[in-house]
Amino acid sequence: MPSTGAALVGALLWAMAMGASALTGLWLDNWETPEKIRFVVLLFAMGAAIAFPVGLFAARLASLDRHWEVALAAAFVCLLAATLAFTGGLFALQYRSYYAEWHAEAFTVRWAFELVFTSLTALYQFVVLGVRLYFPLGFIALAAASVWFARQQR
C-alpha cells in the first residue's frame, strides 16, 4: 500500500500537472471563455486527483518484487489508465447530467438505453477531444512520475 502522505501529495501534484496540461492545451486552442476553461481545468484536475492513488496502488501491485523496468512500465500504464478512466468518467457524469433534462423518467427501459448511450457518447467524445489536452505537458508529467515511481521501488 502506498503511504497516505505519498498518495495525498502525489494526488495534489498530479492534479496540478494535469490541470496545467489542460490549461495549456486550451490556451493554445485559443479558448476565449474563462468560465468554460476553468470548468475543464477543474474536471481534469479532479479526475487526476482521484486517479493518482488508484494508479499508484495498481502500479505497486503490478510491480511487486520485480525489476525497475517493470516498475517504470507499470507506473506508466497504471497512471495513464487511471487518469483517463477517472477523468473520462467525470466527463461522462457531467455530460449525462446536462442531457438528463431531455431523458425519460428514471429507471425505465428507455431511460436505461439513454443512460448507456449518452455515457458511451460522452466517453467517445472525451477520447476524441479530451485526450489531446494531455499533450505535451501531461505526457511529460506521466514520464516523470513513472521514473519517480521506478526509483522508489529500488
C-alpha atoms as a PDB file:
ATOM      1  CA  MET A   1       0.000   0.000   0.000  1.00  0.00           C
ATOM      2  CA  PRO A   2       1.265   3.485  -0.780  1.00  0.00           C
ATOM      3  CA  SER A   3       1.678   5.697   2.253  1.00  0.00           C
ATOM      4  CA  THR A   4      -1.061   8.209   2.925  1.00  0.00           C
ATOM      5  CA  GLY A   5       1.370  11.091   2.599  1.00  0.00           C
ATOM      6  CA  ALA A   6       2.684   9.899  -0.764  1.00  0.00           C
ATOM      7  CA  ALA A   7      -0.857   9.368  -2.016  1.00  0.00           C
ATOM      8  CA  LEU A   8      -2.071  12.815  -0.896  1.00  0.00           C
ATOM      9  CA  VAL A   9       0.973  14.794  -2.023  1.00  0.00           C
ATOM     10  CA  GLY A  10       1.115  12.800  -5.257  1.00  0.00           C
ATOM     11  CA  ALA A  11      -2.585  13.381  -5.895  1.00  0.00           C
ATOM     12  CA  LEU A  12      -2.154  17.122  -5.376  1.00  0.00           C
ATOM     13  CA  LEU A  13       0.891  17.303  -7.662  1.00  0.00           C
ATOM     14  CA  TRP A  14      -0.729  15.039 -10.254  1.00  0.00           C
ATOM     15  CA  ALA A  15      -3.890  17.174 -10.234  1.00  0.00           C
ATOM     16  CA  MET A  16      -1.839  20.338 -10.678  1.00  0.00           C
ATOM     17  CA  ALA A  17       0.129  18.792 -13.556  1.00  0.00           C
ATOM     18  CA  MET A  18      -2.945  17.519 -15.397  1.00  0.00           C
ATOM     19  CA  GLY A  19      -4.821  20.776 -14.786  1.00  0.00           C
ATOM     20  CA  ALA A  20      -1.848  22.726 -16.138  1.00  0.00           C
ATOM     21  CA  SER A  21      -1.713  20.430 -19.144  1.00  0.00           C
ATOM     22  CA  ALA A  22      -5.403  21.019 -19.894  1.00  0.00           C
ATOM     23  CA  LEU A  23      -4.985  24.765 -19.379  1.00  0.00           C
ATOM     24  CA  THR A  24      -2.043  24.846 -21.776  1.00  0.00           C
ATOM     25  CA  GLY A  25      -3.975  22.902 -24.396  1.00  0.00           C
ATOM     26  CA  LEU A  26      -6.992  25.175 -24.098  1.00  0.00           C
ATOM     27  CA  TRP A  27      -4.812  28.271 -24.215  1.00  0.00           C
ATOM     28  CA  LEU A  28      -3.073  27.002 -27.355  1.00  0.00           C
ATOM     29  CA  ASP A  29      -6.508  26.347 -28.909  1.00  0.00           C
ATOM     30  CA  ASN A  30      -7.456  29.982 -28.187  1.00  0.00           C
ATOM     31  CA  TRP A  31     -10.463  29.280 -25.988  1.00  0.00           C
ATOM     32  CA  GLU A  32     -11.964  32.624 -25.067  1.00  0.00           C
ATOM     33  CA  THR A  33     -14.489  31.722 -22.393  1.00  0.00           C
ATOM     34  CA  PRO A  34     -12.771  31.800 -18.982  1.00  0.00           C
ATOM     35  CA  GLU A  35     -15.733  30.105 -17.293  1.00  0.00           C
ATOM     36  CA  LYS A  36     -15.517  27.052 -19.538  1.00  0.00           C
ATOM     37  CA  ILE A  37     -11.731  26.976 -19.305  1.00  0.00           C
ATOM     38  CA  ARG A  38     -11.968  26.893 -15.505  1.00  0.00           C
ATOM     39  CA  PHE A  39     -14.534  24.098 -15.658  1.00  0.00           C
ATOM     40  CA  VAL A  40     -12.432  21.910 -17.992  1.00  0.00           C
ATOM     41  CA  VAL A  41      -9.243  22.517 -15.997  1.00  0.00           C
ATOM     42  CA  LEU A  42     -11.077  21.659 -12.775  1.00  0.00           C
ATOM     43  CA  LEU A  43     -12.511  18.497 -14.370  1.00  0.00           C
ATOM     44  CA  PHE A  44      -9.046  17.355 -15.452  1.00  0.00           C
ATOM     45  CA  ALA A  45      -7.548  18.196 -12.061  1.00  0.00           C
ATOM     46  CA  MET A  46     -10.292  16.392 -10.137  1.00  0.00           C
ATOM     47  CA  GLY A  47     -10.009  13.316 -12.341  1.00  0.00           C
ATOM     48  CA  ALA A  48      -6.258  13.268 -11.830  1.00  0.00           C
ATOM     49  CA  ALA A  49      -6.526  13.740  -8.067  1.00  0.00           C
ATOM     50  CA  ILE A  50      -8.881  10.793  -7.768  1.00  0.00           C
ATOM     51  CA  ALA A  51      -6.848   8.681 -10.188  1.00  0.00           C
ATOM     52  CA  PHE A  52      -3.393   9.081  -8.653  1.00  0.00           C
ATOM     53  CA  PRO A  53      -3.843   6.953  -5.507  1.00  0.00           C
ATOM     54  CA  VAL A  54      -5.618   4.259  -7.531  1.00  0.00           C
ATOM     55  CA  GLY A  55      -2.948   4.272 -10.239  1.00  0.00           C
ATOM     56  CA  LEU A  56      -0.173   4.249  -7.643  1.00  0.00           C
ATOM     57  CA  PHE A  57      -1.722   1.276  -5.851  1.00  0.00           C
ATOM     58  CA  ALA A  58      -2.230  -0.626  -9.115  1.00  0.00           C
ATOM     59  CA  ALA A  59       1.355   0.098 -10.187  1.00  0.00           C
ATOM     60  CA  ARG A  60       2.717  -1.136  -6.860  1.00  0.00           C
ATOM     61  CA  LEU A  61       0.615  -4.256  -7.132  1.00  0.00           C
ATOM     62  CA  ALA A  62       1.738  -4.931 -10.709  1.00  0.00           C
ATOM     63  CA  SER A  63       5.421  -4.337  -9.991  1.00  0.00           C
ATOM     64  CA  LEU A  64       5.701  -6.137  -6.672  1.00  0.00           C
ATOM     65  CA  ASP A  65       9.180  -7.699  -6.307  1.00  0.00           C
ATOM     66  CA  ARG A  66      10.128  -7.039  -9.936  1.00  0.00           C
ATOM     67  CA  HIS A  67      12.901  -5.120 -11.685  1.00  0.00           C
ATOM     68  CA  TRP A  68      12.849  -1.354 -12.054  1.00  0.00           C
ATOM     69  CA  GLU A  69      11.914  -1.653 -15.734  1.00  0.00           C
ATOM     70  CA  VAL A  70       8.695  -3.395 -14.765  1.00  0.00           C
ATOM     71  CA  ALA A  71       8.019  -0.723 -12.141  1.00  0.00           C
ATOM     72  CA  LEU A  72       8.546   2.004 -14.751  1.00  0.00           C
ATOM     73  CA  ALA A  73       6.178   0.353 -17.218  1.00  0.00           C
ATOM     74  CA  ALA A  74       3.611  -0.445 -14.524  1.00  0.00           C
ATOM     75  CA  ALA A  75       3.573   3.152 -13.295  1.00  0.00           C
ATOM     76  CA  PHE A  76       3.266   4.483 -16.837  1.00  0.00           C
ATOM     77  CA  VAL A  77       0.392   2.197 -17.776  1.00  0.00           C
ATOM     78  CA  CYS A  78      -1.460   2.309 -14.458  1.00  0.00           C
ATOM     79  CA  LEU A  79      -1.271   6.089 -14.021  1.00  0.00           C
ATOM     80  CA  LEU A  80      -2.285   6.609 -17.641  1.00  0.00           C
ATOM     81  CA  ALA A  81      -5.221   4.197 -17.440  1.00  0.00           C
ATOM     82  CA  ALA A  82      -6.457   5.501 -14.076  1.00  0.00           C
ATOM     83  CA  THR A  83      -6.202   9.136 -15.139  1.00  0.00           C
ATOM     84  CA  LEU A  84      -8.041   8.551 -18.397  1.00  0.00           C
ATOM     85  CA  ALA A  85     -10.690   6.385 -16.716  1.00  0.00           C
ATOM     86  CA  PHE A  86     -11.485   8.750 -13.849  1.00  0.00           C
ATOM     87  CA  THR A  87     -11.349  11.941 -15.904  1.00  0.00           C
ATOM     88  CA  GLY A  88     -13.444  10.311 -18.644  1.00  0.00           C
ATOM     89  CA  GLY A  89     -15.878   9.102 -16.001  1.00  0.00           C
ATOM     90  CA  LEU A  90     -16.263  12.589 -14.554  1.00  0.00           C
ATOM     91  CA  PHE A  91     -16.743  13.948 -18.064  1.00  0.00           C
ATOM     92  CA  ALA A  92     -19.427  11.314 -18.713  1.00  0.00           C
ATOM     93  CA  LEU A  93     -21.217  12.216 -15.466  1.00  0.00           C
ATOM     94  CA  GLN A  94     -21.240  15.896 -16.381  1.00  0.00           C
ATOM     95  CA  TYR A  95     -22.358  15.107 -19.924  1.00  0.00           C
ATOM     96  CA  ARG A  96     -25.133  12.881 -18.608  1.00  0.00           C
ATOM     97  CA  SER A  97     -26.315  15.493 -16.120  1.00  0.00           C
ATOM     98  CA  TYR A  98     -26.592  18.055 -18.926  1.00  0.00           C
ATOM     99  CA  TYR A  99     -28.697  15.774 -21.146  1.00  0.00           C
ATOM    100  CA  ALA A 100     -30.778  14.306 -18.305  1.00  0.00           C
ATOM    101  CA  GLU A 101     -33.317  17.096 -18.752  1.00  0.00           C
ATOM    102  CA  TRP A 102     -34.438  15.574 -22.063  1.00  0.00           C
ATOM    103  CA  HIS A 103     -34.337  11.925 -20.988  1.00  0.00           C
ATOM    104  CA  ALA A 104     -37.205   9.693 -19.957  1.00  0.00           C
ATOM    105  CA  GLU A 105     -38.344   9.026 -16.396  1.00  0.00           C
ATOM    106  CA  ALA A 106     -35.712   7.371 -14.224  1.00  0.00           C
ATOM    107  CA  PHE A 107     -35.423   3.580 -14.077  1.00  0.00           C
ATOM    108  CA  THR A 108     -37.472   2.863 -17.177  1.00  0.00           C
ATOM    109  CA  VAL A 109     -36.204   0.813 -20.109  1.00  0.00           C
ATOM    110  CA  ARG A 110     -35.939   3.904 -22.290  1.00  0.00           C
ATOM    111  CA  TRP A 111     -34.032   5.733 -19.542  1.00  0.00           C
ATOM    112  CA  ALA A 112     -31.575   2.836 -19.284  1.00  0.00           C
ATOM    113  CA  PHE A 113     -30.888   2.973 -23.028  1.00  0.00           C
ATOM    114  CA  GLU A 114     -30.471   6.743 -22.869  1.00  0.00           C
ATOM    115  CA  LEU A 115     -28.120   6.428 -19.894  1.00  0.00           C
ATOM    116  CA  VAL A 116     -25.926   3.827 -21.617  1.00  0.00           C
ATOM    117  CA  PHE A 117     -25.749   5.551 -24.988  1.00  0.00           C
ATOM    118  CA  THR A 118     -25.270   9.030 -23.528  1.00  0.00           C
ATOM    119  CA  SER A 119     -22.413   7.723 -21.392  1.00  0.00           C
ATOM    120  CA  LEU A 120     -20.829   5.914 -24.341  1.00  0.00           C
ATOM    121  CA  THR A 121     -21.125   9.049 -26.465  1.00  0.00           C
ATOM    122  CA  ALA A 122     -19.510  11.113 -23.702  1.00  0.00           C
ATOM    123  CA  LEU A 123     -16.621   8.669 -23.403  1.00  0.00           C
ATOM    124  CA  TYR A 124     -16.144   8.692 -27.164  1.00  0.00           C
ATOM    125  CA  GLN A 125     -16.064  12.494 -27.203  1.00  0.00           C
ATOM    126  CA  PHE A 126     -13.600  12.516 -24.315  1.00  0.00           C
ATOM    127  CA  VAL A 127     -11.276  10.150 -26.159  1.00  0.00           C
ATOM    128  CA  VAL A 128     -11.511  12.132 -29.393  1.00  0.00           C
ATOM    129  CA  LEU A 129     -11.456  15.677 -27.997  1.00  0.00           C
ATOM    130  CA  GLY A 130     -10.211  15.491 -24.421  1.00  0.00           C
ATOM    131  CA  VAL A 131      -7.176  13.224 -24.566  1.00  0.00           C
ATOM    132  CA  ARG A 132      -5.280  15.714 -26.714  1.00  0.00           C
ATOM    133  CA  LEU A 133      -5.274  18.134 -23.769  1.00  0.00           C
ATOM    134  CA  TYR A 134      -2.798  15.822 -22.043  1.00  0.00           C
ATOM    135  CA  PHE A 135      -0.139  16.577 -24.663  1.00  0.00           C
ATOM    136  CA  PRO A 136       2.621  17.674 -24.261  1.00  0.00           C
ATOM    137  CA  LEU A 137       2.702  18.543 -20.532  1.00  0.00           C
ATOM    138  CA  GLY A 138       0.634  15.615 -19.295  1.00  0.00           C
ATOM    139  CA  PHE A 139       2.810  13.144 -21.144  1.00  0.00           C
ATOM    140  CA  ILE A 140       5.963  14.721 -19.687  1.00  0.00           C
ATOM    141  CA  ALA A 141       4.446  14.580 -16.181  1.00  0.00           C
ATOM    142  CA  LEU A 142       3.492  10.934 -16.769  1.00  0.00           C
ATOM    143  CA  ALA A 143       7.058  10.083 -17.751  1.00  0.00           C
ATOM    144  CA  ALA A 144       8.447  11.944 -14.725  1.00  0.00           C
ATOM    145  CA  ALA A 145       6.005  10.269 -12.326  1.00  0.00           C
ATOM    146  CA  SER A 146       6.864   6.865 -13.786  1.00  0.00           C
ATOM    147  CA  VAL A 147      10.587   7.466 -13.301  1.00  0.00           C
ATOM    148  CA  TRP A 148       9.932   8.655  -9.732  1.00  0.00           C
ATOM    149  CA  PHE A 149       7.904   5.519  -9.056  1.00  0.00           C
ATOM    150  CA  ALA A 150      10.572   3.210 -10.510  1.00  0.00           C
ATOM    151  CA  ARG A 151      13.271   4.877  -8.385  1.00  0.00           C
ATOM    152  CA  GLN A 152      11.122   4.411  -5.259  1.00  0.00           C
ATOM    153  CA  GLN A 153      10.831   0.688  -5.965  1.00  0.00           C
ATOM    154  CA  ARG A 154      14.625   0.139  -5.892  1.00  0.00           C
END
